[in-house]
């Protein structure tokens, strides 16, 4: 006989079975919808991921191009430091130095380790560059080779080795700069000639940091640098960007397998009851027991035959419900595992932006 517990469990399993896949699909759609909320940031992340992948393969020129596009879309410190590293390794030394300097200037909450990494990269770049140290009255606008170098007099500017034109306060002068050295220029009333001064920069090159993964979403302060990423989007077993579909799938699996076990128990009970009723009927009708329940006339077996039919139906329906539970459990667990392994990983298990 069907108990209230059996009816409740069957109703729960039947209700969750057709809803499992649509709900999981909806969860997936919602995650992608949230990720696409800001198309500019999504595009920046895509270019950033390309840059990381190129950098890992040693294709530094391609990495630089991708990071340039990402930074144009979303000016984030994590993009800037990676742009500086790829510029340094692709031979764009002056751009690298200026990006390292801008990274340290714009990132107000760098950790000591992050600042040290940027300083190392800047020092390595400056070994291949020269510098111009301009002395000028306060308020003087200074340009070097037509680029604005300062608007308040004295300034120091990284340049490629060679000849450069310095202007400011009505004065113009040309100065020749040697790699890893600083040339001093004085501008002002009646002073228009450079006064060369050689200031050696750090004597030892230092290795630049490996490429950093992106920091947390839209955070302006990147956390401490993790180990170098093995790929642009995180490994196969890295947690996905959203764990919600995983938990939905696991929940469906638990309900499904739990229902399968419960209905297997119900089936066993119904089968035992069936066997017991059948034995009672056989004893009551022996030796003419064959087909006794087809058209029972013996008042002593009518109720037993009805119970036998009910138990037979229960065995069949419980077996079906157990099979449905197994299907729901397998689909839920398979979806959870597939989402965890193959869903978007963000950019890595470390930093994101």
C-alpha atoms as a PDB file:
ATOM      1  CA  UNK A   1       0.000   0.000   0.000  1.00  0.00           C
ATOM      2  CA  UNK A   2       1.229   3.468  -0.797  1.00  0.00           C
ATOM      3  CA  UNK A   3       2.212   5.433   2.250  1.00  0.00           C
ATOM      4  CA  UNK A   4       2.127   9.265   2.526  1.00  0.00           C
ATOM      5  CA  UNK A   5       5.938   9.208   2.548  1.00  0.00           C
ATOM      6  CA  UNK A   6       6.024   7.324  -0.751  1.00  0.00           C
ATOM      7  CA  UNK A   7       3.529   9.730  -2.338  1.00  0.00           C
ATOM      8  CA  UNK A   8       5.450  12.777  -1.137  1.00  0.00           C
ATOM      9  CA  UNK A   9       8.789  11.412  -2.367  1.00  0.00           C
ATOM     10  CA  UNK A  10       7.315  10.507  -5.744  1.00  0.00           C
ATOM     11  CA  UNK A  11       5.795  13.981  -6.116  1.00  0.00           C
ATOM     12  CA  UNK A  12       9.127  15.615  -5.260  1.00  0.00           C
ATOM     13  CA  UNK A  13      11.076  13.484  -7.716  1.00  0.00           C
ATOM     14  CA  UNK A  14       8.563  13.959 -10.526  1.00  0.00           C
ATOM     15  CA  UNK A  15       8.578  17.724  -9.940  1.00  0.00           C
ATOM     16  CA  UNK A  16      12.349  18.038 -10.027  1.00  0.00           C
ATOM     17  CA  UNK A  17      13.004  15.696 -12.948  1.00  0.00           C
ATOM     18  CA  UNK A  18      11.568  17.853 -15.778  1.00  0.00           C
ATOM     19  CA  UNK A  19      12.860  21.053 -14.150  1.00  0.00           C
ATOM     20  CA  UNK A  20      16.451  19.955 -13.647  1.00  0.00           C
ATOM     21  CA  UNK A  21      17.910  20.716 -17.059  1.00  0.00           C
ATOM     22  CA  UNK A  22      15.889  23.917 -17.690  1.00  0.00           C
ATOM     23  CA  UNK A  23      16.952  25.298 -14.303  1.00  0.00           C
ATOM     24  CA  UNK A  24      20.597  24.461 -14.935  1.00  0.00           C
ATOM     25  CA  UNK A  25      20.400  25.968 -18.396  1.00  0.00           C
ATOM     26  CA  UNK A  26      18.808  29.087 -16.905  1.00  0.00           C
ATOM     27  CA  UNK A  27      21.626  29.323 -14.350  1.00  0.00           C
ATOM     28  CA  UNK A  28      24.168  29.153 -17.154  1.00  0.00           C
ATOM     29  CA  UNK A  29      22.356  31.853 -19.129  1.00  0.00           C
ATOM     30  CA  UNK A  30      22.190  34.088 -16.060  1.00  0.00           C
ATOM     31  CA  UNK A  31      25.944  33.755 -15.463  1.00  0.00           C
ATOM     32  CA  UNK A  32      26.696  34.730 -19.044  1.00  0.00           C
ATOM     33  CA  UNK A  33      24.196  37.586 -18.852  1.00  0.00           C
ATOM     34  CA  UNK A  34      25.932  38.945 -15.758  1.00  0.00           C
ATOM     35  CA  UNK A  35      29.347  38.606 -17.422  1.00  0.00           C
ATOM     36  CA  UNK A  36      28.062  40.547 -20.432  1.00  0.00           C
ATOM     37  CA  UNK A  37      26.665  43.395 -18.328  1.00  0.00           C
ATOM     38  CA  UNK A  38      29.525  45.713 -19.323  1.00  0.00           C
ATOM     39  CA  UNK A  39      30.577  45.042 -22.937  1.00  0.00           C
ATOM     40  CA  UNK A  40      33.662  47.246 -22.598  1.00  0.00           C
ATOM     41  CA  UNK A  41      34.997  45.293 -19.615  1.00  0.00           C
ATOM     42  CA  UNK A  42      34.160  41.993 -21.333  1.00  0.00           C
ATOM     43  CA  UNK A  43      36.127  43.087 -24.394  1.00  0.00           C
ATOM     44  CA  UNK A  44      39.028  44.241 -22.219  1.00  0.00           C
ATOM     45  CA  UNK A  45      39.109  40.865 -20.452  1.00  0.00           C
ATOM     46  CA  UNK A  46      39.179  39.081 -23.799  1.00  0.00           C
ATOM     47  CA  UNK A  47      42.121  41.163 -25.030  1.00  0.00           C
ATOM     48  CA  UNK A  48      43.846  40.694 -21.658  1.00  0.00           C
ATOM     49  CA  UNK A  49      43.436  36.917 -21.872  1.00  0.00           C
ATOM     50  CA  UNK A  50      44.903  36.987 -25.393  1.00  0.00           C
ATOM     51  CA  UNK A  51      47.863  38.977 -24.111  1.00  0.00           C
ATOM     52  CA  UNK A  52      48.506  36.528 -21.289  1.00  0.00           C
ATOM     53  CA  UNK A  53      48.379  33.593 -23.723  1.00  0.00           C
ATOM     54  CA  UNK A  54      50.796  35.315 -26.142  1.00  0.00           C
ATOM     55  CA  UNK A  55      53.134  36.236 -23.283  1.00  0.00           C
ATOM     56  CA  UNK A  56      53.226  32.652 -22.009  1.00  0.00           C
ATOM     57  CA  UNK A  57      54.213  31.489 -25.506  1.00  0.00           C
ATOM     58  CA  UNK A  58      56.978  34.103 -25.777  1.00  0.00           C
ATOM     59  CA  UNK A  59      55.137  36.092 -28.469  1.00  0.00           C
ATOM     60  CA  UNK A  60      55.826  39.412 -26.766  1.00  0.00           C
ATOM     61  CA  UNK A  61      54.982  41.688 -29.705  1.00  0.00           C
ATOM     62  CA  UNK A  62      51.533  40.100 -30.023  1.00  0.00           C
ATOM     63  CA  UNK A  63      51.129  40.236 -26.247  1.00  0.00           C
ATOM     64  CA  UNK A  64      51.934  43.950 -26.291  1.00  0.00           C
ATOM     65  CA  UNK A  65      49.345  44.600 -29.001  1.00  0.00           C
ATOM     66  CA  UNK A  66      46.651  42.775 -27.007  1.00  0.00           C
ATOM     67  CA  UNK A  67      47.506  44.583 -23.766  1.00  0.00           C
ATOM     68  CA  UNK A  68      47.459  47.932 -25.590  1.00  0.00           C
ATOM     69  CA  UNK A  69      43.910  47.190 -26.775  1.00  0.00           C
ATOM     70  CA  UNK A  70      42.861  46.033 -23.299  1.00  0.00           C
ATOM     71  CA  UNK A  71      44.274  49.181 -21.675  1.00  0.00           C
ATOM     72  CA  UNK A  72      42.542  51.409 -24.217  1.00  0.00           C
ATOM     73  CA  UNK A  73      39.249  49.761 -23.235  1.00  0.00           C
ATOM     74  CA  UNK A  74      39.804  49.607 -19.470  1.00  0.00           C
ATOM     75  CA  UNK A  75      42.660  51.479 -17.817  1.00  0.00           C
ATOM     76  CA  UNK A  76      43.450  49.061 -15.039  1.00  0.00           C
ATOM     77  CA  UNK A  77      46.799  48.647 -13.206  1.00  0.00           C
ATOM     78  CA  UNK A  78      46.923  44.900 -13.913  1.00  0.00           C
ATOM     79  CA  UNK A  79      46.757  45.639 -17.645  1.00  0.00           C
ATOM     80  CA  UNK A  80      49.371  48.382 -17.394  1.00  0.00           C
ATOM     81  CA  UNK A  81      52.003  46.266 -15.597  1.00  0.00           C
ATOM     82  CA  UNK A  82      51.598  43.476 -18.146  1.00  0.00           C
ATOM     83  CA  UNK A  83      51.785  46.000 -20.979  1.00  0.00           C
ATOM     84  CA  UNK A  84      55.058  47.281 -19.500  1.00  0.00           C
ATOM     85  CA  UNK A  85      56.503  43.759 -19.253  1.00  0.00           C
ATOM     86  CA  UNK A  86      55.572  42.834 -22.820  1.00  0.00           C
ATOM     87  CA  UNK A  87      56.903  46.169 -24.132  1.00  0.00           C
ATOM     88  CA  UNK A  88      60.202  45.568 -22.358  1.00  0.00           C
ATOM     89  CA  UNK A  89      60.570  42.095 -23.860  1.00  0.00           C
ATOM     90  CA  UNK A  90      59.509  43.164 -27.355  1.00  0.00           C
ATOM     91  CA  UNK A  91      62.094  45.930 -27.588  1.00  0.00           C
ATOM     92  CA  UNK A  92      59.821  48.932 -26.899  1.00  0.00           C
ATOM     93  CA  UNK A  93      62.067  49.983 -24.053  1.00  0.00           C
ATOM     94  CA  UNK A  94      61.033  53.626 -23.758  1.00  0.00           C
ATOM     95  CA  UNK A  95      57.341  52.726 -23.663  1.00  0.00           C
ATOM     96  CA  UNK A  96      58.107  50.059 -21.053  1.00  0.00           C
ATOM     97  CA  UNK A  97      59.912  52.539 -18.797  1.00  0.00           C
ATOM     98  CA  UNK A  98      57.094  55.054 -18.977  1.00  0.00           C
ATOM     99  CA  UNK A  99      54.471  52.347 -18.312  1.00  0.00           C
ATOM    100  CA  UNK A 100      56.396  51.048 -15.294  1.00  0.00           C
ATOM    101  CA  UNK A 101      56.637  54.589 -13.938  1.00  0.00           C
ATOM    102  CA  UNK A 102      52.938  55.264 -14.583  1.00  0.00           C
ATOM    103  CA  UNK A 103      52.009  51.972 -12.894  1.00  0.00           C
ATOM    104  CA  UNK A 104      53.829  52.975  -9.711  1.00  0.00           C
ATOM    105  CA  UNK A 105      52.442  56.502  -9.840  1.00  0.00           C
ATOM    106  CA  UNK A 106      48.795  55.562 -10.486  1.00  0.00           C
ATOM    107  CA  UNK A 107      48.565  52.492  -8.212  1.00  0.00           C
ATOM    108  CA  UNK A 108      48.244  53.952  -4.743  1.00  0.00           C
ATOM    109  CA  UNK A 109      47.979  50.683  -2.798  1.00  0.00           C
ATOM    110  CA  UNK A 110      50.761  48.536  -4.208  1.00  0.00           C
ATOM    111  CA  UNK A 111      52.240  45.928  -1.929  1.00  0.00           C
ATOM    112  CA  UNK A 112      56.013  46.112  -1.306  1.00  0.00           C
ATOM    113  CA  UNK A 113      56.475  43.054  -3.520  1.00  0.00           C
ATOM    114  CA  UNK A 114      54.517  44.606  -6.398  1.00  0.00           C
ATOM    115  CA  UNK A 115      56.409  47.882  -6.152  1.00  0.00           C
ATOM    116  CA  UNK A 116      59.733  46.035  -6.041  1.00  0.00           C
ATOM    117  CA  UNK A 117      58.806  44.095  -9.190  1.00  0.00           C
ATOM    118  CA  UNK A 118      57.911  47.314 -11.029  1.00  0.00           C
ATOM    119  CA  UNK A 119      61.104  49.006  -9.861  1.00  0.00           C
ATOM    120  CA  UNK A 120      63.142  46.081 -11.167  1.00  0.00           C
ATOM    121  CA  UNK A 121      61.458  46.308 -14.541  1.00  0.00           C
ATOM    122  CA  UNK A 122      62.018  50.073 -14.683  1.00  0.00           C
ATOM    123  CA  UNK A 123      65.682  49.679 -13.748  1.00  0.00           C
ATOM    124  CA  UNK A 124      66.151  47.058 -16.473  1.00  0.00           C
ATOM    125  CA  UNK A 125      64.568  49.352 -19.050  1.00  0.00           C
ATOM    126  CA  UNK A 126      66.700  52.327 -18.014  1.00  0.00           C
ATOM    127  CA  UNK A 127      69.896  50.375 -18.582  1.00  0.00           C
ATOM    128  CA  UNK A 128      69.113  50.714 -22.290  1.00  0.00           C
ATOM    129  CA  UNK A 129      67.891  54.301 -22.110  1.00  0.00           C
ATOM    130  CA  UNK A 130      69.298  57.699 -21.263  1.00  0.00           C
ATOM    131  CA  UNK A 131      67.741  60.476 -19.184  1.00  0.00           C
ATOM    132  CA  UNK A 132      67.568  64.230 -19.508  1.00  0.00           C
ATOM    133  CA  UNK A 133      67.524  66.213 -16.270  1.00  0.00           C
ATOM    134  CA  UNK A 134      66.118  69.671 -17.029  1.00  0.00           C
ATOM    135  CA  UNK A 135      66.586  72.607 -14.657  1.00  0.00           C
ATOM    136  CA  UNK A 136      64.294  75.552 -15.396  1.00  0.00           C
ATOM    137  CA  UNK A 137      62.502  78.330 -13.493  1.00  0.00           C
ATOM    138  CA  UNK A 138      59.234  77.349 -11.816  1.00  0.00           C
ATOM    139  CA  UNK A 139      56.259  77.517 -14.149  1.00  0.00           C
ATOM    140  CA  UNK A 140      58.311  76.809 -17.268  1.00  0.00           C
ATOM    141  CA  UNK A 141      56.711  74.415 -19.765  1.00  0.00           C
ATOM    142  CA  UNK A 142      59.339  71.980 -21.015  1.00  0.00           C
ATOM    143  CA  UNK A 143      59.144  69.876 -24.181  1.00  0.00           C
ATOM    144  CA  UNK A 144      61.608  67.234 -25.372  1.00  0.00           C
ATOM    145  CA  UNK A 145      61.462  66.357 -29.060  1.00  0.00           C
ATOM    146  CA  UNK A 146      58.042  68.019 -29.140  1.00  0.00           C
ATOM    147  CA  UNK A 147      56.626  65.877 -26.300  1.00  0.00           C
ATOM    148  CA  UNK A 148      55.448  67.626 -23.158  1.00  0.00           C
ATOM    149  CA  UNK A 149      57.878  66.718 -20.368  1.00  0.00           C
ATOM    150  CA  UNK A 150      56.703  69.092 -17.643  1.00  0.00           C
ATOM    151  CA  UNK A 151      54.791  72.277 -16.939  1.00  0.00           C
ATOM    152  CA  UNK A 152      56.458  73.511 -13.776  1.00  0.00           C
ATOM    153  CA  UNK A 153      60.098  73.945 -14.580  1.00  0.00           C
ATOM    154  CA  UNK A 154      62.590  71.262 -13.608  1.00  0.00           C
ATOM    155  CA  UNK A 155      61.875  67.697 -14.745  1.00  0.00           C
ATOM    156  CA  UNK A 156      63.608  64.426 -15.553  1.00  0.00           C
ATOM    157  CA  UNK A 157      62.685  62.512 -18.694  1.00  0.00           C
ATOM    158  CA  UNK A 158      63.560  59.049 -20.075  1.00  0.00           C
ATOM    159  CA  UNK A 159      64.722  59.093 -23.705  1.00  0.00           C
ATOM    160  CA  UNK A 160      66.300  56.807 -26.257  1.00  0.00           C
ATOM    161  CA  UNK A 161      70.086  57.231 -26.631  1.00  0.00           C
ATOM    162  CA  UNK A 162      70.986  59.876 -29.199  1.00  0.00           C
ATOM    163  CA  UNK A 163      70.349  63.549 -29.956  1.00  0.00           C
ATOM    164  CA  UNK A 164      67.323  65.333 -28.490  1.00  0.00           C
ATOM    165  CA  UNK A 165      65.893  68.842 -28.664  1.00  0.00           C
ATOM    166  CA  UNK A 166      64.861  70.479 -25.403  1.00  0.00           C
ATOM    167  CA  UNK A 167      62.681  73.616 -25.317  1.00  0.00           C
ATOM    168  CA  UNK A 168      61.412  75.736 -22.473  1.00  0.00           C
ATOM    169  CA  UNK A 169      61.053  79.365 -21.426  1.00  0.00           C
ATOM    170  CA  UNK A 170      61.978  80.615 -24.878  1.00  0.00           C
ATOM    171  CA  UNK A 171      65.229  78.621 -24.897  1.00  0.00           C
ATOM    172  CA  UNK A 172      66.031  75.733 -27.230  1.00  0.00           C
ATOM    173  CA  UNK A 173      68.996  73.440 -26.981  1.00  0.00           C
ATOM    174  CA  UNK A 174      70.157  70.105 -28.325  1.00  0.00           C
ATOM    175  CA  UNK A 175      71.721  67.452 -26.140  1.00  0.00           C
ATOM    176  CA  UNK A 176      73.267  64.080 -26.901  1.00  0.00           C
ATOM    177  CA  UNK A 177      72.337  61.310 -24.469  1.00  0.00           C
ATOM    178  CA  UNK A 178      74.221  58.065 -23.857  1.00  0.00           C
ATOM    179  CA  UNK A 179      72.553  54.820 -22.721  1.00  0.00           C
ATOM    180  CA  UNK A 180      72.398  54.360 -18.931  1.00  0.00           C
ATOM    181  CA  UNK A 181      73.529  57.959 -18.349  1.00  0.00           C
ATOM    182  CA  UNK A 182      71.812  61.257 -17.478  1.00  0.00           C
ATOM    183  CA  UNK A 183      72.455  64.517 -19.339  1.00  0.00           C
ATOM    184  CA  UNK A 184      71.745  67.763 -17.449  1.00  0.00           C
ATOM    185  CA  UNK A 185      70.169  70.722 -19.262  1.00  0.00           C
ATOM    186  CA  UNK A 186      69.620  74.192 -17.815  1.00  0.00           C
ATOM    187  CA  UNK A 187      66.972  76.454 -19.266  1.00  0.00           C
ATOM    188  CA  UNK A 188      66.307  80.026 -18.292  1.00  0.00           C
ATOM    189  CA  UNK A 189      66.952  83.631 -19.095  1.00  0.00           C
ATOM    190  CA  UNK A 190      70.366  83.928 -20.762  1.00  0.00           C
ATOM    191  CA  UNK A 191      71.085  80.213 -20.330  1.00  0.00           C
ATOM    192  CA  UNK A 192      70.516  78.091 -23.406  1.00  0.00           C
ATOM    193  CA  UNK A 193      73.377  75.642 -23.447  1.00  0.00           C
ATOM    194  CA  UNK A 194      73.340  72.139 -21.926  1.00  0.00           C
ATOM    195  CA  UNK A 195      75.683  71.350 -19.098  1.00  0.00           C
ATOM    196  CA  UNK A 196      76.518  67.677 -19.543  1.00  0.00           C
ATOM    197  CA  UNK A 197      76.605  65.610 -16.407  1.00  0.00           C
ATOM    198  CA  UNK A 198      76.990  61.877 -16.266  1.00  0.00           C
ATOM    199  CA  UNK A 199      75.016  60.031 -13.651  1.00  0.00           C
ATOM    200  CA  UNK A 200      75.291  56.254 -13.867  1.00  0.00           C
ATOM    201  CA  UNK A 201      72.050  54.395 -13.428  1.00  0.00           C
ATOM    202  CA  UNK A 202      71.781  51.040 -11.629  1.00  0.00           C
ATOM    203  CA  UNK A 203      74.761  48.948 -12.809  1.00  0.00           C
ATOM    204  CA  UNK A 204      73.166  45.514 -12.688  1.00  0.00           C
ATOM    205  CA  UNK A 205      70.213  44.463 -14.847  1.00  0.00           C
ATOM    206  CA  UNK A 206      67.523  42.693 -12.951  1.00  0.00           C
ATOM    207  CA  UNK A 207      64.998  40.242 -14.218  1.00  0.00           C
ATOM    208  CA  UNK A 208      61.528  41.617 -14.683  1.00  0.00           C
ATOM    209  CA  UNK A 209      58.580  39.957 -13.027  1.00  0.00           C
ATOM    210  CA  UNK A 210      56.623  37.280 -14.759  1.00  0.00           C
ATOM    211  CA  UNK A 211      53.274  38.337 -16.097  1.00  0.00           C
ATOM    212  CA  UNK A 212      50.611  38.973 -13.493  1.00  0.00           C
ATOM    213  CA  UNK A 213      47.083  37.578 -13.866  1.00  0.00           C
ATOM    214  CA  UNK A 214      44.298  40.178 -13.619  1.00  0.00           C
ATOM    215  CA  UNK A 215      43.059  41.529 -10.208  1.00  0.00           C
ATOM    216  CA  UNK A 216      39.505  41.174  -8.686  1.00  0.00           C
ATOM    217  CA  UNK A 217      36.572  42.567 -10.708  1.00  0.00           C
ATOM    218  CA  UNK A 218      36.982  46.286 -11.257  1.00  0.00           C
ATOM    219  CA  UNK A 219      39.206  46.559  -8.163  1.00  0.00           C
ATOM    220  CA  UNK A 220      41.815  49.244  -8.480  1.00  0.00           C
ATOM    221  CA  UNK A 221      44.255  47.599  -6.106  1.00  0.00           C
ATOM    222  CA  UNK A 222      45.783  44.368  -7.403  1.00  0.00           C
ATOM    223  CA  UNK A 223      46.683  41.781  -4.727  1.00  0.00           C
ATOM    224  CA  UNK A 224      50.159  40.244  -4.308  1.00  0.00           C
ATOM    225  CA  UNK A 225      51.447  38.597  -7.500  1.00  0.00           C
ATOM    226  CA  UNK A 226      50.795  34.835  -7.772  1.00  0.00           C
ATOM    227  CA  UNK A 227      53.029  32.292  -9.569  1.00  0.00           C
ATOM    228  CA  UNK A 228      53.130  32.681 -13.365  1.00  0.00           C
ATOM    229  CA  UNK A 229      49.951  31.392 -14.994  1.00  0.00           C
ATOM    230  CA  UNK A 230      50.256  28.267 -17.092  1.00  0.00           C
ATOM    231  CA  UNK A 231      47.637  29.504 -19.548  1.00  0.00           C
ATOM    232  CA  UNK A 232      45.597  32.575 -20.344  1.00  0.00           C
ATOM    233  CA  UNK A 233      42.361  31.346 -18.780  1.00  0.00           C
ATOM    234  CA  UNK A 234      43.280  29.074 -15.864  1.00  0.00           C
ATOM    235  CA  UNK A 235      43.764  25.311 -15.847  1.00  0.00           C
ATOM    236  CA  UNK A 236      41.140  22.652 -16.466  1.00  0.00           C
ATOM    237  CA  UNK A 237      40.692  22.077 -12.730  1.00  0.00           C
ATOM    238  CA  UNK A 238      40.661  25.759 -11.773  1.00  0.00           C
ATOM    239  CA  UNK A 239      37.329  26.872 -10.234  1.00  0.00           C
ATOM    240  CA  UNK A 240      34.931  28.383 -12.796  1.00  0.00           C
ATOM    241  CA  UNK A 241      33.940  32.032 -12.719  1.00  0.00           C
ATOM    242  CA  UNK A 242      30.606  31.055 -11.151  1.00  0.00           C
ATOM    243  CA  UNK A 243      30.036  28.055  -8.880  1.00  0.00           C
ATOM    244  CA  UNK A 244      26.226  28.460  -8.836  1.00  0.00           C
ATOM    245  CA  UNK A 245      25.578  25.929 -11.657  1.00  0.00           C
ATOM    246  CA  UNK A 246      27.916  23.466  -9.926  1.00  0.00           C
ATOM    247  CA  UNK A 247      25.901  23.613  -6.711  1.00  0.00           C
ATOM    248  CA  UNK A 248      22.637  23.339  -8.642  1.00  0.00           C
ATOM    249  CA  UNK A 249      23.921  20.257 -10.417  1.00  0.00           C
ATOM    250  CA  UNK A 250      25.198  18.695  -7.195  1.00  0.00           C
ATOM    251  CA  UNK A 251      21.857  19.436  -5.521  1.00  0.00           C
ATOM    252  CA  UNK A 252      19.970  17.759  -8.363  1.00  0.00           C
ATOM    253  CA  UNK A 253      22.326  14.789  -8.106  1.00  0.00           C
ATOM    254  CA  UNK A 254      21.751  14.436  -4.367  1.00  0.00           C
ATOM    255  CA  UNK A 255      17.957  14.616  -4.781  1.00  0.00           C
ATOM    256  CA  UNK A 256      18.019  12.179  -7.705  1.00  0.00           C
ATOM    257  CA  UNK A 257      20.236   9.548  -6.117  1.00  0.00           C
ATOM    258  CA  UNK A 258      18.512   9.975  -2.763  1.00  0.00           C
ATOM    259  CA  UNK A 259      15.140   9.404  -4.422  1.00  0.00           C
ATOM    260  CA  UNK A 260      16.474   6.374  -6.282  1.00  0.00           C
ATOM    261  CA  UNK A 261      17.660   4.797  -3.021  1.00  0.00           C
ATOM    262  CA  UNK A 262      14.389   5.563  -1.232  1.00  0.00           C
ATOM    263  CA  UNK A 263      12.216   4.104  -4.002  1.00  0.00           C
ATOM    264  CA  UNK A 264      14.464   1.054  -4.203  1.00  0.00           C
ATOM    265  CA  UNK A 265      13.652   0.503  -0.512  1.00  0.00           C
ATOM    266  CA  UNK A 266       9.945   1.035  -1.217  1.00  0.00           C
ATOM    267  CA  UNK A 267      10.153  -1.474  -4.070  1.00  0.00           C
ATOM    268  CA  UNK A 268      11.790  -4.029  -1.794  1.00  0.00           C
ATOM    269  CA  UNK A 269       9.055  -3.585   0.808  1.00  0.00           C
ATOM    270  CA  UNK A 270       6.324  -3.894  -1.807  1.00  0.00           C
ATOM    271  CA  UNK A 271       7.967  -7.005  -3.225  1.00  0.00           C
ATOM    272  CA  UNK A 272       8.133  -8.602   0.229  1.00  0.00           C
ATOM    273  CA  UNK A 273       4.480  -7.762   0.857  1.00  0.00           C
ATOM    274  CA  UNK A 274       3.566  -9.231  -2.540  1.00  0.00           C
ATOM    275  CA  UNK A 275       5.383 -12.480  -1.784  1.00  0.00           C
ATOM    276  CA  UNK A 276       3.720 -12.717   1.640  1.00  0.00           C
ATOM    277  CA  UNK A 277       0.213 -12.147   0.252  1.00  0.00           C
ATOM    278  CA  UNK A 278       0.853 -14.601  -2.569  1.00  0.00           C
ATOM    279  CA  UNK A 279       1.935 -17.314  -0.105  1.00  0.00           C
ATOM    280  CA  UNK A 280      -1.206 -16.758   1.987  1.00  0.00           C
ATOM    281  CA  UNK A 281      -3.432 -17.098  -1.081  1.00  0.00           C
ATOM    282  CA  UNK A 282      -1.635 -20.227  -2.244  1.00  0.00           C
ATOM    283  CA  UNK A 283      -2.120 -21.850   1.138  1.00  0.00           C
ATOM    284  CA  UNK A 284      -5.820 -20.893   1.247  1.00  0.00           C
ATOM    285  CA  UNK A 285      -6.604 -22.217  -2.234  1.00  0.00           C
ATOM    286  CA  UNK A 286      -4.324 -25.235  -2.466  1.00  0.00           C
ATOM    287  CA  UNK A 287      -4.457 -27.538  -4.356  1.00  0.00           C
ATOM    288  CA  UNK A 288      -6.502 -25.344  -6.803  1.00  0.00           C
ATOM    289  CA  UNK A 289      -4.388 -22.198  -6.442  1.00  0.00           C
ATOM    290  CA  UNK A 290      -3.544 -21.537 -10.117  1.00  0.00           C
ATOM    291  CA  UNK A 291      -5.487 -18.471 -11.268  1.00  0.00           C
ATOM    292  CA  UNK A 292      -7.239 -18.164  -7.932  1.00  0.00           C
ATOM    293  CA  UNK A 293      -7.171 -14.359  -8.138  1.00  0.00           C
ATOM    294  CA  UNK A 294      -8.376 -14.109 -11.746  1.00  0.00           C
ATOM    295  CA  UNK A 295     -12.013 -14.257 -10.636  1.00  0.00           C
ATOM    296  CA  UNK A 296     -11.958 -14.854  -6.902  1.00  0.00           C
ATOM    297  CA  UNK A 297     -15.156 -16.335  -5.401  1.00  0.00           C
ATOM    298  CA  UNK A 298     -13.703 -17.378  -2.095  1.00  0.00           C
ATOM    299  CA  UNK A 299     -14.514 -14.567   0.375  1.00  0.00           C
ATOM    300  CA  UNK A 300     -11.343 -15.421   2.313  1.00  0.00           C
ATOM    301  CA  UNK A 301      -9.020 -14.428  -0.527  1.00  0.00           C
ATOM    302  CA  UNK A 302     -10.796 -11.434  -2.117  1.00  0.00           C
ATOM    303  CA  UNK A 303      -9.047  -8.866   0.110  1.00  0.00           C
ATOM    304  CA  UNK A 304      -5.751 -10.736  -0.287  1.00  0.00           C
ATOM    305  CA  UNK A 305      -6.050 -10.682  -4.078  1.00  0.00           C
ATOM    306  CA  UNK A 306      -6.714  -6.923  -4.016  1.00  0.00           C
ATOM    307  CA  UNK A 307      -3.636  -6.412  -1.805  1.00  0.00           C
ATOM    308  CA  UNK A 308      -1.639  -8.583  -4.222  1.00  0.00           C
ATOM    309  CA  UNK A 309      -2.637  -6.332  -7.135  1.00  0.00           C
ATOM    310  CA  UNK A 310      -1.751  -3.192  -5.171  1.00  0.00           C
ATOM    311  CA  UNK A 311       1.651  -4.599  -4.210  1.00  0.00           C
ATOM    312  CA  UNK A 312       2.358  -5.584  -7.825  1.00  0.00           C
ATOM    313  CA  UNK A 313       1.530  -2.052  -9.003  1.00  0.00           C
ATOM    314  CA  UNK A 314       3.693  -0.582  -6.236  1.00  0.00           C
ATOM    315  CA  UNK A 315       6.666  -2.720  -7.280  1.00  0.00           C
ATOM    316  CA  UNK A 316       6.326  -1.487 -10.867  1.00  0.00           C
ATOM    317  CA  UNK A 317       5.849   2.228 -10.028  1.00  0.00           C
ATOM    318  CA  UNK A 318       8.612   2.219  -7.413  1.00  0.00           C
ATOM    319  CA  UNK A 319      11.027   0.650  -9.914  1.00  0.00           C
ATOM    320  CA  UNK A 320      10.131   3.373 -12.435  1.00  0.00           C
ATOM    321  CA  UNK A 321      10.587   6.128  -9.845  1.00  0.00           C
ATOM    322  CA  UNK A 322      13.974   4.692  -8.809  1.00  0.00           C
ATOM    323  CA  UNK A 323      15.089   4.730 -12.453  1.00  0.00           C
ATOM    324  CA  UNK A 324      13.947   8.360 -12.812  1.00  0.00           C
ATOM    325  CA  UNK A 325      15.940   9.232  -9.690  1.00  0.00           C
ATOM    326  CA  UNK A 326      19.055   7.632 -11.153  1.00  0.00           C
ATOM    327  CA  UNK A 327      18.643   9.630 -14.389  1.00  0.00           C
ATOM    328  CA  UNK A 328      18.178  12.913 -12.473  1.00  0.00           C
ATOM    329  CA  UNK A 329      21.204  12.140 -10.299  1.00  0.00           C
ATOM    330  CA  UNK A 330      23.439  11.264 -13.266  1.00  0.00           C
ATOM    331  CA  UNK A 331      22.378  14.360 -15.228  1.00  0.00           C
ATOM    332  CA  UNK A 332      22.883  16.648 -12.214  1.00  0.00           C
ATOM    333  CA  UNK A 333      26.343  15.302 -11.343  1.00  0.00           C
ATOM    334  CA  UNK A 334      27.433  15.248 -14.998  1.00  0.00           C
ATOM    335  CA  UNK A 335      26.325  18.858 -15.452  1.00  0.00           C
ATOM    336  CA  UNK A 336      28.119  19.944 -12.266  1.00  0.00           C
ATOM    337  CA  UNK A 337      31.336  18.210 -13.341  1.00  0.00           C
ATOM    338  CA  UNK A 338      31.122  19.550 -16.885  1.00  0.00           C
ATOM    339  CA  UNK A 339      30.505  23.113 -15.701  1.00  0.00           C
ATOM    340  CA  UNK A 340      33.390  22.953 -13.218  1.00  0.00           C
ATOM    341  CA  UNK A 341      35.814  21.675 -15.867  1.00  0.00           C
ATOM    342  CA  UNK A 342      34.748  23.540 -18.988  1.00  0.00           C
ATOM    343  CA  UNK A 343      32.846  26.679 -17.923  1.00  0.00           C
ATOM    344  CA  UNK A 344      34.555  30.096 -18.261  1.00  0.00           C
ATOM    345  CA  UNK A 345      37.352  30.405 -15.714  1.00  0.00           C
ATOM    346  CA  UNK A 346      37.557  34.221 -15.737  1.00  0.00           C
ATOM    347  CA  UNK A 347      41.261  34.754 -16.487  1.00  0.00           C
ATOM    348  CA  UNK A 348      42.874  32.654 -13.806  1.00  0.00           C
ATOM    349  CA  UNK A 349      42.339  31.421 -10.299  1.00  0.00           C
ATOM    350  CA  UNK A 350      44.291  34.448  -9.060  1.00  0.00           C
ATOM    351  CA  UNK A 351      43.650  38.049 -10.135  1.00  0.00           C
ATOM    352  CA  UNK A 352      40.665  39.180 -12.186  1.00  0.00           C
ATOM    353  CA  UNK A 353      39.427  42.565 -13.210  1.00  0.00           C
END
